[in-house]
């Protein structure tokens, strides 16, 4: 018997709509490459990108600031966050 999945890994298909999108070959290749790089499905990455573009769940770029190479991020975090949240 399979182990129960974590709730964040489960999808309620009855609450989702299927949409067909036509993409140029190069964009499709980039999408598939990025999904594979992140270890996620093309559908997951597409939903994430659409939500981000339309202002749904927001991923703050400052969340990855620890890898920026800048050594003053902790001192400038309020400024960085303000810039990302500003309209």
C-alpha atoms as a PDB file:
ATOM      1  CA  UNK A   1       0.000   0.000   0.000  1.00  0.00           C
ATOM      2  CA  UNK A   2       1.347   3.433  -0.958  1.00  0.00           C
ATOM      3  CA  UNK A   3       2.145   6.018   1.693  1.00  0.00           C
ATOM      4  CA  UNK A   4      -0.315   8.896   1.988  1.00  0.00           C
ATOM      5  CA  UNK A   5       0.908  11.983   0.182  1.00  0.00           C
ATOM      6  CA  UNK A   6       1.539  15.298   1.861  1.00  0.00           C
ATOM      7  CA  UNK A   7      -1.454  17.653   1.338  1.00  0.00           C
ATOM      8  CA  UNK A   8       0.720  20.138  -0.592  1.00  0.00           C
ATOM      9  CA  UNK A   9       1.449  17.391  -3.154  1.00  0.00           C
ATOM     10  CA  UNK A  10      -2.203  16.519  -3.725  1.00  0.00           C
ATOM     11  CA  UNK A  11      -4.283  18.159  -6.411  1.00  0.00           C
ATOM     12  CA  UNK A  12      -8.056  18.364  -6.475  1.00  0.00           C
ATOM     13  CA  UNK A  13      -8.661  17.858 -10.188  1.00  0.00           C
ATOM     14  CA  UNK A  14     -12.365  18.597  -9.841  1.00  0.00           C
ATOM     15  CA  UNK A  15     -11.543  22.223  -8.962  1.00  0.00           C
ATOM     16  CA  UNK A  16      -9.265  22.801 -11.950  1.00  0.00           C
ATOM     17  CA  UNK A  17     -10.036  23.673 -15.540  1.00  0.00           C
ATOM     18  CA  UNK A  18      -8.029  22.379 -18.471  1.00  0.00           C
ATOM     19  CA  UNK A  19      -6.750  25.038 -20.875  1.00  0.00           C
ATOM     20  CA  UNK A  20      -4.859  24.577 -24.115  1.00  0.00           C
ATOM     21  CA  UNK A  21      -2.161  27.123 -24.877  1.00  0.00           C
ATOM     22  CA  UNK A  22      -0.249  27.312 -28.150  1.00  0.00           C
ATOM     23  CA  UNK A  23       3.418  28.160 -27.650  1.00  0.00           C
ATOM     24  CA  UNK A  24       6.242  28.754 -30.107  1.00  0.00           C
ATOM     25  CA  UNK A  25       8.685  25.832 -30.124  1.00  0.00           C
ATOM     26  CA  UNK A  26      11.442  27.820 -28.425  1.00  0.00           C
ATOM     27  CA  UNK A  27       9.193  28.937 -25.567  1.00  0.00           C
ATOM     28  CA  UNK A  28       7.873  25.399 -25.116  1.00  0.00           C
ATOM     29  CA  UNK A  29      11.454  24.108 -24.934  1.00  0.00           C
ATOM     30  CA  UNK A  30      12.366  26.748 -22.336  1.00  0.00           C
ATOM     31  CA  UNK A  31       9.269  25.910 -20.290  1.00  0.00           C
ATOM     32  CA  UNK A  32      10.052  22.170 -20.313  1.00  0.00           C
ATOM     33  CA  UNK A  33      13.718  22.772 -19.495  1.00  0.00           C
ATOM     34  CA  UNK A  34      12.853  25.020 -16.525  1.00  0.00           C
ATOM     35  CA  UNK A  35      10.241  22.568 -15.220  1.00  0.00           C
ATOM     36  CA  UNK A  36      12.791  19.742 -15.368  1.00  0.00           C
ATOM     37  CA  UNK A  37      15.455  21.919 -13.727  1.00  0.00           C
ATOM     38  CA  UNK A  38      13.093  22.681 -10.834  1.00  0.00           C
ATOM     39  CA  UNK A  39      11.845  19.094 -10.589  1.00  0.00           C
ATOM     40  CA  UNK A  40       8.237  20.036 -11.241  1.00  0.00           C
ATOM     41  CA  UNK A  41       5.673  19.380 -13.930  1.00  0.00           C
ATOM     42  CA  UNK A  42       5.081  21.730 -16.841  1.00  0.00           C
ATOM     43  CA  UNK A  43       1.551  22.265 -15.469  1.00  0.00           C
ATOM     44  CA  UNK A  44       2.863  23.258 -12.031  1.00  0.00           C
ATOM     45  CA  UNK A  45       5.361  25.714 -13.510  1.00  0.00           C
ATOM     46  CA  UNK A  46       2.732  27.152 -15.869  1.00  0.00           C
ATOM     47  CA  UNK A  47       0.279  27.707 -12.986  1.00  0.00           C
ATOM     48  CA  UNK A  48       3.040  29.329 -10.913  1.00  0.00           C
ATOM     49  CA  UNK A  49       4.003  31.646 -13.787  1.00  0.00           C
ATOM     50  CA  UNK A  50       0.397  32.662 -14.482  1.00  0.00           C
ATOM     51  CA  UNK A  51      -0.297  33.308 -10.784  1.00  0.00           C
ATOM     52  CA  UNK A  52       2.843  35.394 -10.540  1.00  0.00           C
ATOM     53  CA  UNK A  53       1.996  37.375 -13.675  1.00  0.00           C
ATOM     54  CA  UNK A  54      -1.619  37.998 -12.685  1.00  0.00           C
ATOM     55  CA  UNK A  55      -0.764  38.915  -9.112  1.00  0.00           C
ATOM     56  CA  UNK A  56      -1.914  35.725  -7.413  1.00  0.00           C
ATOM     57  CA  UNK A  57       0.419  34.115  -4.928  1.00  0.00           C
ATOM     58  CA  UNK A  58       3.455  36.309  -4.925  1.00  0.00           C
ATOM     59  CA  UNK A  59       6.992  35.019  -4.708  1.00  0.00           C
ATOM     60  CA  UNK A  60       9.253  37.683  -3.304  1.00  0.00           C
ATOM     61  CA  UNK A  61      12.563  37.852  -5.095  1.00  0.00           C
ATOM     62  CA  UNK A  62      14.219  38.869  -1.835  1.00  0.00           C
ATOM     63  CA  UNK A  63      13.517  35.372  -0.531  1.00  0.00           C
ATOM     64  CA  UNK A  64      16.585  34.248  -2.491  1.00  0.00           C
ATOM     65  CA  UNK A  65      18.650  37.243  -1.472  1.00  0.00           C
ATOM     66  CA  UNK A  66      21.002  35.074   0.570  1.00  0.00           C
ATOM     67  CA  UNK A  67      22.500  33.847  -2.677  1.00  0.00           C
ATOM     68  CA  UNK A  68      22.866  37.324  -4.161  1.00  0.00           C
ATOM     69  CA  UNK A  69      26.505  37.799  -3.319  1.00  0.00           C
ATOM     70  CA  UNK A  70      25.600  41.068  -1.577  1.00  0.00           C
ATOM     71  CA  UNK A  71      26.727  41.288   2.014  1.00  0.00           C
ATOM     72  CA  UNK A  72      24.352  44.091   3.030  1.00  0.00           C
ATOM     73  CA  UNK A  73      21.008  42.372   2.357  1.00  0.00           C
ATOM     74  CA  UNK A  74      20.132  42.042   6.042  1.00  0.00           C
ATOM     75  CA  UNK A  75      20.728  45.769   6.471  1.00  0.00           C
ATOM     76  CA  UNK A  76      18.648  46.655   3.373  1.00  0.00           C
ATOM     77  CA  UNK A  77      15.845  44.068   3.655  1.00  0.00           C
ATOM     78  CA  UNK A  78      13.089  46.641   4.288  1.00  0.00           C
ATOM     79  CA  UNK A  79      14.183  48.626   1.228  1.00  0.00           C
ATOM     80  CA  UNK A  80      14.359  45.469  -0.904  1.00  0.00           C
ATOM     81  CA  UNK A  81      10.919  44.264   0.188  1.00  0.00           C
ATOM     82  CA  UNK A  82       9.361  47.710  -0.343  1.00  0.00           C
ATOM     83  CA  UNK A  83      10.727  47.773  -3.903  1.00  0.00           C
ATOM     84  CA  UNK A  84       9.242  44.331  -4.666  1.00  0.00           C
ATOM     85  CA  UNK A  85       5.821  45.000  -3.187  1.00  0.00           C
ATOM     86  CA  UNK A  86       5.443  48.481  -4.689  1.00  0.00           C
ATOM     87  CA  UNK A  87       2.816  48.692  -7.472  1.00  0.00           C
END
